[in-house]
Amino acid sequence: MKKGFTLIELLVVVLIIGILSAVALPQYTKAVEKSRATEAITLLGNLANAEEIYKMSTGSYTTDLSLLDIQLPGVGSSTVSTVSTKNFVITATAASATTFTANATRANGGTAITSGDNKYAIVLNINNGAITRTCKETATDTSTTTTAMCKSIANGNAQGEIK
């Protein structure tokens, strides 16, 4: 009696593993990207709190992140409006007495990603104390539709608004 597996049996096992991998891998990458987006959401939340504190003491918001009472990577004593982390480039883009806008653009090693499924930005807006966070394809995107990745990050919200 021969012991072992036939070539057909081995091919069937390889085929089953391939099918399972094809189904599981996209879900895995979405979960990993969603966890990376949490980094940006947390940093932008801390930035929003620091901006509110700054506004209480000065009367307006600022794009100079070095003036805020917050620990951000790369912020020292010089004027800084952009901060890079491993996964995001965070930029304070506009500030006035009543509004503040910043965005966290998905990056790889501090360089913004410009194409592919992982290209997105999380935009923070403060308008008279009301804070909104929205996931968009780019920081300057004005469309009302969103990418599949942003929809995933925003827990299914079709407009990409992060609660």
N, C-alpha and C. Protein backbone atom coordinates (compact mmCIF):
# COMPACT_ATOMS: atom_id res chain seq x y z
N MET A 1 0.84 -1.17 0.00
CA MET A 1 0.00 0.00 0.00
C MET A 1 0.89 1.25 0.00
N LYS A 2 0.58 2.19 -0.90
CA LYS A 2 1.37 3.41 -1.01
C LYS A 2 0.87 4.46 -0.03
N LYS A 3 1.82 5.18 0.57
CA LYS A 3 1.47 6.27 1.47
C LYS A 3 1.79 7.58 0.78
N GLY A 4 0.98 8.60 1.03
CA GLY A 4 1.24 9.91 0.44
C GLY A 4 0.00 10.45 -0.26
N PHE A 5 0.19 11.59 -0.89
CA PHE A 5 -0.91 12.26 -1.56
C PHE A 5 -0.66 12.27 -3.06
N THR A 6 -1.73 12.23 -3.82
CA THR A 6 -1.59 12.33 -5.27
C THR A 6 -1.43 13.79 -5.66
N LEU A 7 -1.00 14.01 -6.88
CA LEU A 7 -0.82 15.37 -7.38
C LEU A 7 -2.14 16.13 -7.39
N ILE A 8 -3.21 15.47 -7.75
CA ILE A 8 -4.53 16.10 -7.78
C ILE A 8 -4.94 16.57 -6.38
N GLU A 9 -4.72 15.73 -5.39
CA GLU A 9 -5.06 16.11 -4.02
C GLU A 9 -4.27 17.33 -3.57
N LEU A 10 -2.99 17.37 -3.90
CA LEU A 10 -2.16 18.53 -3.54
C LEU A 10 -2.63 19.79 -4.27
N LEU A 11 -2.99 19.66 -5.54
CA LEU A 11 -3.49 20.82 -6.30
C LEU A 11 -4.80 21.35 -5.73
N VAL A 12 -5.67 20.45 -5.29
CA VAL A 12 -6.93 20.87 -4.68
C VAL A 12 -6.66 21.66 -3.40
N VAL A 13 -5.74 21.21 -2.59
CA VAL A 13 -5.39 21.91 -1.35
C VAL A 13 -4.81 23.29 -1.67
N VAL A 14 -3.91 23.36 -2.64
CA VAL A 14 -3.32 24.65 -3.04
C VAL A 14 -4.41 25.58 -3.56
N LEU A 15 -5.34 25.06 -4.35
CA LEU A 15 -6.44 25.86 -4.87
C LEU A 15 -7.31 26.42 -3.74
N ILE A 16 -7.63 25.60 -2.77
CA ILE A 16 -8.45 26.05 -1.64
C ILE A 16 -7.72 27.13 -0.85
N ILE A 17 -6.44 26.95 -0.60
CA ILE A 17 -5.65 27.97 0.11
C ILE A 17 -5.62 29.27 -0.69
N GLY A 18 -5.48 29.17 -2.00
CA GLY A 18 -5.48 30.36 -2.86
C GLY A 18 -6.79 31.11 -2.80
N ILE A 19 -7.90 30.40 -2.83
CA ILE A 19 -9.22 31.04 -2.76
C ILE A 19 -9.41 31.72 -1.41
N LEU A 20 -9.05 31.04 -0.34
CA LEU A 20 -9.17 31.64 0.99
C LEU A 20 -8.30 32.89 1.12
N SER A 21 -7.10 32.84 0.56
CA SER A 21 -6.21 34.01 0.61
C SER A 21 -6.79 35.18 -0.19
N ALA A 22 -7.37 34.89 -1.34
CA ALA A 22 -7.94 35.94 -2.18
C ALA A 22 -9.11 36.63 -1.49
N VAL A 23 -9.83 35.90 -0.68
CA VAL A 23 -10.96 36.49 0.05
C VAL A 23 -10.47 37.25 1.29
N ALA A 24 -9.50 36.70 2.00
CA ALA A 24 -9.07 37.27 3.27
C ALA A 24 -8.14 38.48 3.12
N LEU A 25 -7.30 38.51 2.11
CA LEU A 25 -6.30 39.57 1.99
C LEU A 25 -6.90 40.97 1.85
N PRO A 26 -7.92 41.18 1.00
CA PRO A 26 -8.50 42.53 0.94
C PRO A 26 -9.11 42.98 2.28
N GLN A 27 -9.72 42.07 2.99
CA GLN A 27 -10.28 42.42 4.29
C GLN A 27 -9.18 42.77 5.29
N TYR A 28 -8.08 42.04 5.21
CA TYR A 28 -6.95 42.30 6.09
C TYR A 28 -6.35 43.68 5.81
N THR A 29 -6.16 44.01 4.54
CA THR A 29 -5.57 45.31 4.21
C THR A 29 -6.49 46.46 4.62
N LYS A 30 -7.81 46.27 4.49
CA LYS A 30 -8.75 47.30 4.96
C LYS A 30 -8.63 47.50 6.47
N ALA A 31 -8.52 46.40 7.20
CA ALA A 31 -8.41 46.49 8.66
C ALA A 31 -7.11 47.17 9.07
N VAL A 32 -6.02 46.86 8.38
CA VAL A 32 -4.73 47.50 8.69
C VAL A 32 -4.81 48.99 8.38
N GLU A 33 -5.39 49.35 7.25
CA GLU A 33 -5.48 50.77 6.87
C GLU A 33 -6.39 51.53 7.82
N LYS A 34 -7.45 50.88 8.26
CA LYS A 34 -8.36 51.53 9.22
C LYS A 34 -7.63 51.80 10.54
N SER A 35 -6.77 50.88 10.96
CA SER A 35 -6.01 51.11 12.19
C SER A 35 -4.99 52.22 12.00
N ARG A 36 -4.42 52.34 10.80
CA ARG A 36 -3.50 53.45 10.54
C ARG A 36 -4.24 54.78 10.55
N ALA A 37 -5.46 54.79 10.04
CA ALA A 37 -6.25 56.02 10.02
C ALA A 37 -6.55 56.49 11.44
N THR A 38 -6.62 55.56 12.38
CA THR A 38 -6.84 55.92 13.78
C THR A 38 -5.73 56.83 14.29
N GLU A 39 -4.50 56.62 13.81
CA GLU A 39 -3.39 57.49 14.18
C GLU A 39 -3.69 58.94 13.78
N ALA A 40 -4.15 59.12 12.55
CA ALA A 40 -4.46 60.47 12.06
C ALA A 40 -5.63 61.07 12.82
N ILE A 41 -6.65 60.28 13.07
CA ILE A 41 -7.83 60.77 13.78
C ILE A 41 -7.44 61.22 15.19
N THR A 42 -6.58 60.44 15.84
CA THR A 42 -6.12 60.81 17.18
C THR A 42 -5.29 62.08 17.16
N LEU A 43 -4.32 62.16 16.22
CA LEU A 43 -3.49 63.37 16.12
C LEU A 43 -4.33 64.60 15.81
N LEU A 44 -5.30 64.47 14.90
CA LEU A 44 -6.15 65.61 14.57
C LEU A 44 -7.05 65.99 15.75
N GLY A 45 -7.49 65.00 16.52
CA GLY A 45 -8.28 65.30 17.72
C GLY A 45 -7.47 66.07 18.74
N ASN A 46 -6.22 65.64 18.95
CA ASN A 46 -5.33 66.36 19.87
C ASN A 46 -5.04 67.77 19.35
N LEU A 47 -4.86 67.88 18.04
CA LEU A 47 -4.63 69.19 17.42
C LEU A 47 -5.84 70.10 17.60
N ALA A 48 -7.03 69.56 17.45
CA ALA A 48 -8.26 70.35 17.64
C ALA A 48 -8.35 70.86 19.07
N ASN A 49 -8.05 70.00 20.03
CA ASN A 49 -8.08 70.43 21.44
C ASN A 49 -7.06 71.53 21.71
N ALA A 50 -5.84 71.36 21.17
CA ALA A 50 -4.80 72.37 21.36
C ALA A 50 -5.18 73.69 20.69
N GLU A 51 -5.82 73.62 19.53
CA GLU A 51 -6.27 74.84 18.84
C GLU A 51 -7.35 75.55 19.66
N GLU A 52 -8.25 74.80 20.26
CA GLU A 52 -9.30 75.42 21.08
C GLU A 52 -8.69 76.13 22.30
N ILE A 53 -7.70 75.49 22.92
CA ILE A 53 -7.02 76.12 24.06
C ILE A 53 -6.30 77.38 23.61
N TYR A 54 -5.62 77.31 22.46
CA TYR A 54 -4.91 78.48 21.92
C TYR A 54 -5.90 79.61 21.62
N LYS A 55 -7.05 79.25 21.06
CA LYS A 55 -8.05 80.28 20.73
C LYS A 55 -8.59 80.95 22.00
N MET A 56 -8.76 80.18 23.06
CA MET A 56 -9.25 80.78 24.31
C MET A 56 -8.28 81.82 24.86
N SER A 57 -6.99 81.60 24.66
CA SER A 57 -6.02 82.55 25.21
C SER A 57 -5.68 83.70 24.26
N THR A 58 -5.83 83.50 22.95
CA THR A 58 -5.44 84.55 22.00
C THR A 58 -6.59 85.15 21.21
N GLY A 59 -7.71 84.45 21.14
CA GLY A 59 -8.86 84.96 20.38
C GLY A 59 -8.94 84.47 18.95
N SER A 60 -7.94 83.70 18.49
CA SER A 60 -8.03 83.15 17.13
C SER A 60 -7.21 81.86 17.05
N TYR A 61 -7.44 81.12 15.96
CA TYR A 61 -6.70 79.89 15.72
C TYR A 61 -5.37 80.22 15.04
N THR A 62 -4.47 79.24 14.95
CA THR A 62 -3.17 79.46 14.31
C THR A 62 -2.79 78.28 13.42
N THR A 63 -2.03 78.56 12.37
CA THR A 63 -1.46 77.47 11.56
C THR A 63 -0.04 77.14 12.01
N ASP A 64 0.50 77.91 12.94
CA ASP A 64 1.85 77.66 13.47
C ASP A 64 1.74 76.64 14.61
N LEU A 65 2.02 75.39 14.29
CA LEU A 65 1.85 74.31 15.26
C LEU A 65 2.82 74.40 16.43
N SER A 66 3.92 75.14 16.27
CA SER A 66 4.88 75.28 17.37
C SER A 66 4.34 76.15 18.50
N LEU A 67 3.28 76.92 18.24
CA LEU A 67 2.68 77.77 19.27
C LEU A 67 1.70 77.01 20.16
N LEU A 68 1.35 75.80 19.77
CA LEU A 68 0.35 75.03 20.49
C LEU A 68 0.97 74.21 21.61
N ASP A 69 0.19 73.97 22.65
CA ASP A 69 0.64 73.15 23.76
C ASP A 69 0.33 71.68 23.43
N ILE A 70 1.14 71.12 22.52
CA ILE A 70 0.91 69.76 22.05
C ILE A 70 2.25 69.17 21.61
N GLN A 71 2.42 67.89 21.84
CA GLN A 71 3.63 67.20 21.40
C GLN A 71 3.37 66.57 20.03
N LEU A 72 4.02 67.10 19.01
CA LEU A 72 3.93 66.55 17.66
C LEU A 72 5.34 66.26 17.17
N PRO A 73 5.52 65.20 16.37
CA PRO A 73 6.86 64.90 15.88
C PRO A 73 7.39 66.01 14.98
N GLY A 74 8.62 66.42 15.19
CA GLY A 74 9.26 67.41 14.34
C GLY A 74 8.94 68.85 14.66
N VAL A 75 8.16 69.10 15.71
CA VAL A 75 7.82 70.48 16.06
C VAL A 75 8.77 70.96 17.14
N GLY A 76 9.49 72.01 16.82
CA GLY A 76 10.43 72.58 17.78
C GLY A 76 10.08 74.02 18.05
N SER A 77 11.08 74.86 18.08
CA SER A 77 10.83 76.27 18.39
C SER A 77 10.58 77.10 17.13
N SER A 78 10.82 76.55 15.95
CA SER A 78 10.60 77.32 14.72
C SER A 78 9.15 77.20 14.26
N THR A 79 8.75 78.10 13.38
CA THR A 79 7.39 78.08 12.84
C THR A 79 7.18 76.83 12.00
N VAL A 80 6.16 76.06 12.35
CA VAL A 80 5.90 74.80 11.66
C VAL A 80 4.41 74.70 11.35
N SER A 81 4.07 74.45 10.09
CA SER A 81 2.68 74.22 9.74
C SER A 81 2.47 72.81 9.19
N THR A 82 3.56 72.05 8.99
CA THR A 82 3.47 70.68 8.49
C THR A 82 4.30 69.76 9.37
N VAL A 83 3.71 68.62 9.72
CA VAL A 83 4.37 67.62 10.55
C VAL A 83 4.26 66.28 9.83
N SER A 84 5.34 65.52 9.78
CA SER A 84 5.32 64.20 9.14
C SER A 84 5.48 63.10 10.18
N THR A 85 4.66 62.08 10.05
CA THR A 85 4.82 60.86 10.83
C THR A 85 5.11 59.73 9.84
N LYS A 86 5.23 58.53 10.32
CA LYS A 86 5.51 57.40 9.42
C LYS A 86 4.36 57.20 8.43
N ASN A 87 3.12 57.41 8.88
CA ASN A 87 1.96 57.10 8.05
C ASN A 87 1.20 58.30 7.52
N PHE A 88 1.49 59.51 8.01
CA PHE A 88 0.71 60.68 7.59
C PHE A 88 1.56 61.93 7.53
N VAL A 89 1.15 62.87 6.68
CA VAL A 89 1.69 64.23 6.66
C VAL A 89 0.55 65.12 7.12
N ILE A 90 0.74 65.79 8.26
CA ILE A 90 -0.31 66.63 8.85
C ILE A 90 0.03 68.08 8.56
N THR A 91 -0.93 68.79 7.96
CA THR A 91 -0.71 70.18 7.56
C THR A 91 -1.84 71.05 8.08
N ALA A 92 -1.47 72.14 8.76
CA ALA A 92 -2.44 73.17 9.15
C ALA A 92 -2.55 74.11 7.96
N THR A 93 -3.75 74.19 7.36
CA THR A 93 -3.87 74.91 6.09
C THR A 93 -4.54 76.26 6.19
N ALA A 94 -5.38 76.47 7.17
CA ALA A 94 -6.07 77.76 7.28
C ALA A 94 -6.47 78.02 8.71
N ALA A 95 -6.41 79.29 9.10
CA ALA A 95 -6.80 79.67 10.46
C ALA A 95 -7.30 81.11 10.44
N SER A 96 -8.33 81.35 11.25
CA SER A 96 -8.84 82.71 11.43
C SER A 96 -9.38 82.80 12.85
N ALA A 97 -10.13 83.85 13.13
CA ALA A 97 -10.70 84.00 14.46
C ALA A 97 -11.78 82.97 14.74
N THR A 98 -12.44 82.46 13.68
CA THR A 98 -13.56 81.55 13.89
C THR A 98 -13.38 80.17 13.28
N THR A 99 -12.41 79.99 12.38
CA THR A 99 -12.27 78.70 11.71
C THR A 99 -10.82 78.22 11.70
N PHE A 100 -10.68 76.90 11.60
CA PHE A 100 -9.36 76.27 11.49
C PHE A 100 -9.52 75.03 10.63
N THR A 101 -8.57 74.80 9.74
CA THR A 101 -8.58 73.61 8.89
C THR A 101 -7.19 72.97 8.90
N ALA A 102 -7.18 71.67 9.05
CA ALA A 102 -5.94 70.89 8.97
C ALA A 102 -6.27 69.59 8.27
N ASN A 103 -5.25 68.98 7.67
CA ASN A 103 -5.49 67.68 7.05
C ASN A 103 -4.34 66.74 7.32
N ALA A 104 -4.69 65.46 7.33
CA ALA A 104 -3.71 64.39 7.49
C ALA A 104 -3.75 63.57 6.22
N THR A 105 -2.74 63.73 5.38
CA THR A 105 -2.67 63.01 4.11
C THR A 105 -1.88 61.73 4.32
N ARG A 106 -2.42 60.62 3.83
CA ARG A 106 -1.77 59.31 3.99
C ARG A 106 -0.39 59.35 3.35
N ALA A 107 0.59 58.88 4.08
CA ALA A 107 1.97 58.90 3.61
C ALA A 107 2.63 57.55 3.86
N ASN A 108 3.75 57.36 3.24
CA ASN A 108 4.56 56.18 3.46
C ASN A 108 5.96 56.66 3.80
N GLY A 109 6.34 56.56 5.04
CA GLY A 109 7.65 57.03 5.47
C GLY A 109 7.82 58.53 5.39
N GLY A 110 6.72 59.27 5.58
CA GLY A 110 6.78 60.73 5.57
C GLY A 110 6.55 61.36 4.21
N THR A 111 6.41 60.54 3.14
CA THR A 111 6.15 61.05 1.80
C THR A 111 4.71 60.74 1.43
N ALA A 112 3.95 61.75 1.02
CA ALA A 112 2.53 61.57 0.71
C ALA A 112 2.34 60.55 -0.42
N ILE A 113 1.34 59.70 -0.25
CA ILE A 113 0.98 58.73 -1.28
C ILE A 113 0.12 59.45 -2.32
N THR A 114 0.47 59.34 -3.59
CA THR A 114 -0.23 60.09 -4.63
C THR A 114 -1.12 59.24 -5.52
N SER A 115 -1.09 57.92 -5.36
CA SER A 115 -1.96 57.07 -6.17
C SER A 115 -2.23 55.76 -5.43
N GLY A 116 -3.24 55.04 -5.91
CA GLY A 116 -3.56 53.74 -5.34
C GLY A 116 -4.68 53.81 -4.32
N ASP A 117 -5.03 52.64 -3.79
CA ASP A 117 -6.14 52.54 -2.83
C ASP A 117 -5.86 53.25 -1.52
N ASN A 118 -4.59 53.38 -1.15
CA ASN A 118 -4.24 54.01 0.13
C ASN A 118 -4.08 55.51 0.02
N LYS A 119 -4.50 56.10 -1.08
CA LYS A 119 -4.42 57.56 -1.26
C LYS A 119 -5.70 58.16 -0.67
N TYR A 120 -5.56 58.84 0.46
CA TYR A 120 -6.68 59.54 1.07
C TYR A 120 -6.16 60.56 2.05
N ALA A 121 -7.05 61.44 2.46
CA ALA A 121 -6.71 62.46 3.46
C ALA A 121 -7.87 62.59 4.42
N ILE A 122 -7.55 62.81 5.68
CA ILE A 122 -8.58 63.08 6.68
C ILE A 122 -8.50 64.57 6.98
N VAL A 123 -9.61 65.26 6.76
CA VAL A 123 -9.65 66.72 6.89
C VAL A 123 -10.37 67.09 8.18
N LEU A 124 -9.73 67.93 8.98
CA LEU A 124 -10.30 68.45 10.22
C LEU A 124 -10.75 69.88 9.98
N ASN A 125 -12.00 70.18 10.30
CA ASN A 125 -12.51 71.55 10.22
C ASN A 125 -13.08 71.94 11.58
N ILE A 126 -12.71 73.12 12.04
CA ILE A 126 -13.31 73.70 13.24
C ILE A 126 -13.97 75.00 12.79
N ASN A 127 -15.26 75.11 13.04
CA ASN A 127 -16.00 76.31 12.68
C ASN A 127 -16.79 76.76 13.91
N ASN A 128 -16.32 77.83 14.54
CA ASN A 128 -16.95 78.33 15.77
C ASN A 128 -17.10 77.23 16.82
N GLY A 129 -16.08 76.42 16.98
CA GLY A 129 -16.08 75.37 18.00
C GLY A 129 -16.67 74.05 17.56
N ALA A 130 -17.38 74.01 16.43
CA ALA A 130 -17.95 72.76 15.91
C ALA A 130 -16.87 72.03 15.12
N ILE A 131 -16.57 70.80 15.52
CA ILE A 131 -15.48 70.04 14.91
C ILE A 131 -16.05 68.95 14.01
N THR A 132 -15.54 68.89 12.76
CA THR A 132 -15.89 67.80 11.85
C THR A 132 -14.60 67.21 11.30
N ARG A 133 -14.64 65.88 11.10
CA ARG A 133 -13.53 65.16 10.47
C ARG A 133 -14.12 64.38 9.30
N THR A 134 -13.51 64.54 8.12
CA THR A 134 -14.01 63.91 6.92
C THR A 134 -12.87 63.24 6.17
N CYS A 135 -13.12 62.04 5.67
CA CYS A 135 -12.14 61.34 4.85
C CYS A 135 -12.46 61.62 3.39
N LYS A 136 -11.44 62.05 2.63
CA LYS A 136 -11.60 62.38 1.22
C LYS A 136 -10.46 61.77 0.43
N GLU A 137 -10.62 61.74 -0.90
CA GLU A 137 -9.55 61.18 -1.73
C GLU A 137 -8.29 62.04 -1.63
N THR A 138 -8.46 63.35 -1.63
CA THR A 138 -7.34 64.28 -1.42
C THR A 138 -7.82 65.36 -0.45
N ALA A 139 -6.90 66.10 0.12
CA ALA A 139 -7.25 67.14 1.08
C ALA A 139 -8.07 68.25 0.44
N THR A 140 -7.92 68.46 -0.87
CA THR A 140 -8.65 69.53 -1.55
C THR A 140 -9.87 69.03 -2.30
N ASP A 141 -10.22 67.76 -2.13
CA ASP A 141 -11.37 67.17 -2.81
C ASP A 141 -12.66 67.81 -2.31
N THR A 142 -13.50 68.29 -3.24
CA THR A 142 -14.76 68.92 -2.86
C THR A 142 -15.97 68.08 -3.24
N SER A 143 -15.76 66.88 -3.79
CA SER A 143 -16.89 66.05 -4.20
C SER A 143 -17.63 65.49 -2.98
N THR A 144 -18.88 65.12 -3.20
CA THR A 144 -19.69 64.57 -2.11
C THR A 144 -19.60 63.05 -2.05
N THR A 145 -18.99 62.43 -3.05
CA THR A 145 -18.80 60.98 -3.01
C THR A 145 -17.44 60.68 -2.40
N THR A 146 -17.26 59.45 -2.01
CA THR A 146 -16.01 59.08 -1.35
C THR A 146 -15.50 57.74 -1.87
N THR A 147 -14.25 57.46 -1.63
CA THR A 147 -13.65 56.21 -2.07
C THR A 147 -14.06 55.07 -1.14
N ALA A 148 -13.83 53.84 -1.59
CA ALA A 148 -14.16 52.68 -0.76
C ALA A 148 -13.35 52.68 0.53
N MET A 149 -12.08 53.11 0.46
CA MET A 149 -11.25 53.15 1.66
C MET A 149 -11.80 54.16 2.66
N CYS A 150 -12.20 55.35 2.18
CA CYS A 150 -12.76 56.36 3.08
C CYS A 150 -14.07 55.89 3.68
N LYS A 151 -14.87 55.20 2.88
CA LYS A 151 -16.13 54.68 3.39
C LYS A 151 -15.86 53.68 4.51
N SER A 152 -14.82 52.87 4.35
CA SER A 152 -14.44 51.90 5.38
C SER A 152 -13.96 52.61 6.64
N ILE A 153 -13.11 53.63 6.46
CA ILE A 153 -12.58 54.38 7.60
C ILE A 153 -13.70 55.11 8.34
N ALA A 154 -14.69 55.60 7.58
CA ALA A 154 -15.80 56.35 8.17
C ALA A 154 -16.94 55.42 8.61
N ASN A 155 -16.65 54.14 8.75
CA ASN A 155 -17.64 53.16 9.20
C ASN A 155 -18.90 53.15 8.36
N GLY A 156 -18.72 53.22 7.03
CA GLY A 156 -19.84 53.11 6.11
C GLY A 156 -20.50 54.41 5.73
N ASN A 157 -20.10 55.53 6.31
CA ASN A 157 -20.70 56.82 5.97
C ASN A 157 -20.36 57.16 4.52
N ALA A 158 -21.39 57.35 3.68
CA ALA A 158 -21.18 57.57 2.24
C ALA A 158 -20.47 58.88 1.95
N GLN A 159 -20.58 59.87 2.83
CA GLN A 159 -19.91 61.16 2.62
C GLN A 159 -18.51 61.18 3.26
N GLY A 160 -18.13 60.11 3.93
CA GLY A 160 -16.80 60.03 4.53
C GLY A 160 -16.66 60.75 5.86
N GLU A 161 -17.79 61.18 6.45
CA GLU A 161 -17.70 61.89 7.73
C GLU A 161 -17.40 60.91 8.85
N ILE A 162 -16.38 61.24 9.64
CA ILE A 162 -15.93 60.37 10.73
C ILE A 162 -16.54 60.87 12.02
N LYS A 163 -17.26 60.02 12.68
CA LYS A 163 -17.92 60.40 13.94
C LYS A 163 -17.02 60.10 15.11
